[in-house]
């Protein structure tokens, strides 16, 4: 049964009373009943306390963009879709949902690794299966290197995995 300050309930009759002149049956629409009670001065309570709140424009996750034009405000349960730039890999998402004034949903755009021959020359390595001077490696993809001179040294393997824009380079001497 509804419990609010200034309202009495009679469980045997199922009626709600706020004064001698104000009562409503339980099957009456709750919003209408609360509005009536509020208008009659029975309850200092706002209906907006039960109405889910909308959201302001969402903040885009790092490197992500909204797929469609952003609005200034969004209603409860309204969704927006994000996208990552070319070669980035999306983790989570692509949607965030407005849930009572807060955006819900996890989205990350994981960066690719970019390697140039200038970066690999200092370590005396090259891309094993490519003659390209610049390589883009998606997050979690692997690339294999070979020595241009000498043999591998150090503890970094010749096959490496890109992790959110970071990759370890082996060294040869």
Protein backbone atom coordinates (compact mmCIF):
# COMPACT_ATOMS: atom_id res chain seq x y z
CA UNK A 1 0.00 0.00 0.00
CA UNK A 2 1.13 3.57 -0.69
CA UNK A 3 2.93 5.17 2.28
CA UNK A 4 3.45 8.95 2.25
CA UNK A 5 3.58 11.61 4.97
CA UNK A 6 0.12 13.08 5.56
CA UNK A 7 -1.73 10.15 3.97
CA UNK A 8 -3.67 7.55 5.92
CA UNK A 9 -4.63 4.19 4.49
CA UNK A 10 -7.44 1.88 5.50
CA UNK A 11 -6.41 -1.66 4.56
CA UNK A 12 -9.89 -3.09 5.20
CA UNK A 13 -11.64 -0.77 2.72
CA UNK A 14 -8.67 -0.24 0.41
CA UNK A 15 -9.09 3.53 0.46
CA UNK A 16 -6.46 6.23 0.75
CA UNK A 17 -7.30 9.31 2.83
CA UNK A 18 -5.49 12.61 3.17
CA UNK A 19 -8.30 14.56 4.83
CA UNK A 20 -12.04 14.41 5.37
CA UNK A 21 -12.68 15.63 1.81
CA UNK A 22 -10.08 13.64 -0.14
CA UNK A 23 -10.11 9.90 -0.95
CA UNK A 24 -9.34 7.65 -3.90
CA UNK A 25 -9.91 3.98 -4.72
CA UNK A 26 -6.76 1.80 -5.18
CA UNK A 27 -7.61 0.96 -8.79
CA UNK A 28 -7.51 4.64 -9.73
CA UNK A 29 -4.56 5.54 -11.95
CA UNK A 30 -1.70 6.19 -9.49
CA UNK A 31 -0.38 9.26 -11.34
CA UNK A 32 -3.86 10.79 -11.51
CA UNK A 33 -4.49 10.02 -7.83
CA UNK A 34 -1.17 11.59 -6.76
CA UNK A 35 -1.83 14.63 -8.92
CA UNK A 36 -5.27 15.02 -7.33
CA UNK A 37 -3.79 14.70 -3.84
CA UNK A 38 -1.10 17.22 -4.71
CA UNK A 39 -3.58 19.72 -6.17
CA UNK A 40 -5.82 19.45 -3.11
CA UNK A 41 -2.83 20.35 -0.95
CA UNK A 42 -2.76 16.97 0.74
CA UNK A 43 0.79 16.10 -0.22
CA UNK A 44 3.80 18.35 -0.75
CA UNK A 45 5.21 15.98 -3.33
CA UNK A 46 6.14 16.32 -6.99
CA UNK A 47 5.20 13.76 -9.64
CA UNK A 48 8.59 14.33 -11.25
CA UNK A 49 10.11 12.20 -8.46
CA UNK A 50 8.69 9.11 -10.19
CA UNK A 51 9.25 10.19 -13.79
CA UNK A 52 12.56 8.94 -15.21
CA UNK A 53 14.90 11.78 -16.13
CA UNK A 54 16.35 12.35 -19.58
CA UNK A 55 20.01 12.92 -20.36
CA UNK A 56 22.11 15.75 -21.71
CA UNK A 57 24.24 15.25 -24.80
CA UNK A 58 26.59 12.29 -24.16
CA UNK A 59 30.34 12.72 -23.95
CA UNK A 60 32.03 10.68 -26.65
CA UNK A 61 34.56 8.10 -25.47
CA UNK A 62 38.20 8.77 -26.48
CA UNK A 63 38.61 8.56 -30.28
CA UNK A 64 34.90 7.72 -30.81
CA UNK A 65 32.31 9.77 -32.68
CA UNK A 66 28.52 9.74 -32.73
CA UNK A 67 27.17 7.99 -35.82
CA UNK A 68 24.33 10.54 -36.15
CA UNK A 69 23.99 14.24 -35.36
CA UNK A 70 23.83 14.86 -31.61
CA UNK A 71 20.81 16.42 -29.93
CA UNK A 72 20.96 18.70 -26.89
CA UNK A 73 18.90 16.28 -24.78
CA UNK A 74 17.63 12.70 -24.90
CA UNK A 75 14.70 10.94 -23.28
CA UNK A 76 14.86 8.06 -20.81
CA UNK A 77 15.81 4.79 -22.63
CA UNK A 78 16.85 6.67 -25.79
CA UNK A 79 20.04 5.30 -27.38
CA UNK A 80 22.94 6.82 -29.27
CA UNK A 81 25.37 4.94 -31.47
CA UNK A 82 29.10 5.54 -31.55
CA UNK A 83 31.71 4.53 -34.11
CA UNK A 84 35.48 4.29 -34.06
CA UNK A 85 37.82 5.67 -36.73
CA UNK A 86 39.11 3.43 -39.51
CA UNK A 87 41.58 0.77 -38.28
CA UNK A 88 40.50 1.23 -34.64
CA UNK A 89 38.78 -1.72 -32.97
CA UNK A 90 35.66 -1.14 -30.87
CA UNK A 91 35.47 -2.84 -27.49
CA UNK A 92 31.98 -2.93 -25.99
CA UNK A 93 29.30 -0.71 -27.53
CA UNK A 94 28.39 0.59 -30.04
CA UNK A 95 25.38 1.93 -28.07
CA UNK A 96 24.96 3.99 -24.92
CA UNK A 97 21.48 4.26 -23.38
CA UNK A 98 20.03 7.11 -21.33
CA UNK A 99 18.94 5.57 -18.03
CA UNK A 100 17.25 8.04 -15.67
CA UNK A 101 19.69 10.89 -16.32
CA UNK A 102 22.85 8.80 -16.79
CA UNK A 103 24.42 7.27 -19.88
CA UNK A 104 24.92 3.51 -19.57
CA UNK A 105 27.18 1.42 -21.79
CA UNK A 106 30.90 0.82 -22.11
CA UNK A 107 32.68 1.78 -25.33
CA UNK A 108 36.39 1.94 -26.09
CA UNK A 109 38.14 2.56 -29.38
CA UNK A 110 41.39 0.59 -29.32
CA UNK A 111 44.16 2.19 -31.36
CA UNK A 112 46.06 0.42 -34.13
CA UNK A 113 49.84 0.25 -34.08
CA UNK A 114 51.63 2.28 -36.73
CA UNK A 115 55.19 1.33 -37.63
CA UNK A 116 57.52 2.89 -40.16
CA UNK A 117 60.79 1.63 -41.56
CA UNK A 118 62.53 4.53 -39.79
CA UNK A 119 61.38 3.12 -36.44
CA UNK A 120 62.51 -0.42 -37.25
CA UNK A 121 65.89 0.57 -38.80
CA UNK A 122 67.26 1.64 -35.41
CA UNK A 123 66.72 -1.91 -34.13
CA UNK A 124 68.17 -3.56 -37.30
CA UNK A 125 64.82 -5.24 -38.04
CA UNK A 126 62.29 -5.20 -40.89
CA UNK A 127 58.77 -6.51 -41.45
CA UNK A 128 59.23 -10.21 -42.24
CA UNK A 129 56.39 -10.64 -44.76
CA UNK A 130 56.07 -7.16 -46.23
CA UNK A 131 58.19 -4.73 -48.19
CA UNK A 132 56.01 -1.80 -47.09
CA UNK A 133 57.74 1.12 -45.41
CA UNK A 134 54.73 1.76 -43.19
CA UNK A 135 52.46 -0.78 -41.49
CA UNK A 136 49.15 -0.47 -39.66
CA UNK A 137 48.44 -3.33 -37.28
CA UNK A 138 44.99 -3.59 -35.67
CA UNK A 139 44.67 -4.04 -31.92
CA UNK A 140 45.40 -7.66 -30.95
CA UNK A 141 46.90 -8.54 -34.37
CA UNK A 142 50.45 -9.84 -34.59
CA UNK A 143 53.35 -8.93 -36.83
CA UNK A 144 56.61 -10.77 -37.35
CA UNK A 145 59.99 -9.15 -37.80
CA UNK A 146 63.30 -10.42 -39.17
CA UNK A 147 66.83 -9.14 -38.70
CA UNK A 148 68.37 -6.98 -41.42
CA UNK A 149 71.80 -7.75 -39.94
CA UNK A 150 72.98 -10.00 -37.16
CA UNK A 151 70.83 -12.10 -34.85
CA UNK A 152 68.03 -11.36 -32.35
CA UNK A 153 69.23 -10.13 -28.96
CA UNK A 154 67.37 -9.37 -25.75
CA UNK A 155 64.18 -10.88 -24.42
CA UNK A 156 61.72 -9.46 -26.98
CA UNK A 157 60.42 -12.11 -29.42
CA UNK A 158 60.45 -11.53 -33.19
CA UNK A 159 56.63 -11.92 -33.31
CA UNK A 160 54.79 -9.16 -31.44
CA UNK A 161 51.15 -8.30 -30.74
CA UNK A 162 49.66 -4.80 -31.00
CA UNK A 163 47.92 -3.75 -27.77
CA UNK A 164 45.94 -0.49 -28.02
CA UNK A 165 48.53 1.32 -30.13
CA UNK A 166 51.58 -0.11 -28.33
CA UNK A 167 53.98 -2.74 -29.65
CA UNK A 168 57.38 -3.92 -28.44
CA UNK A 169 60.16 -3.96 -31.01
CA UNK A 170 62.80 -6.69 -30.98
CA UNK A 171 66.45 -5.83 -31.55
CA UNK A 172 69.11 -7.47 -33.70
CA UNK A 173 72.95 -7.11 -33.60
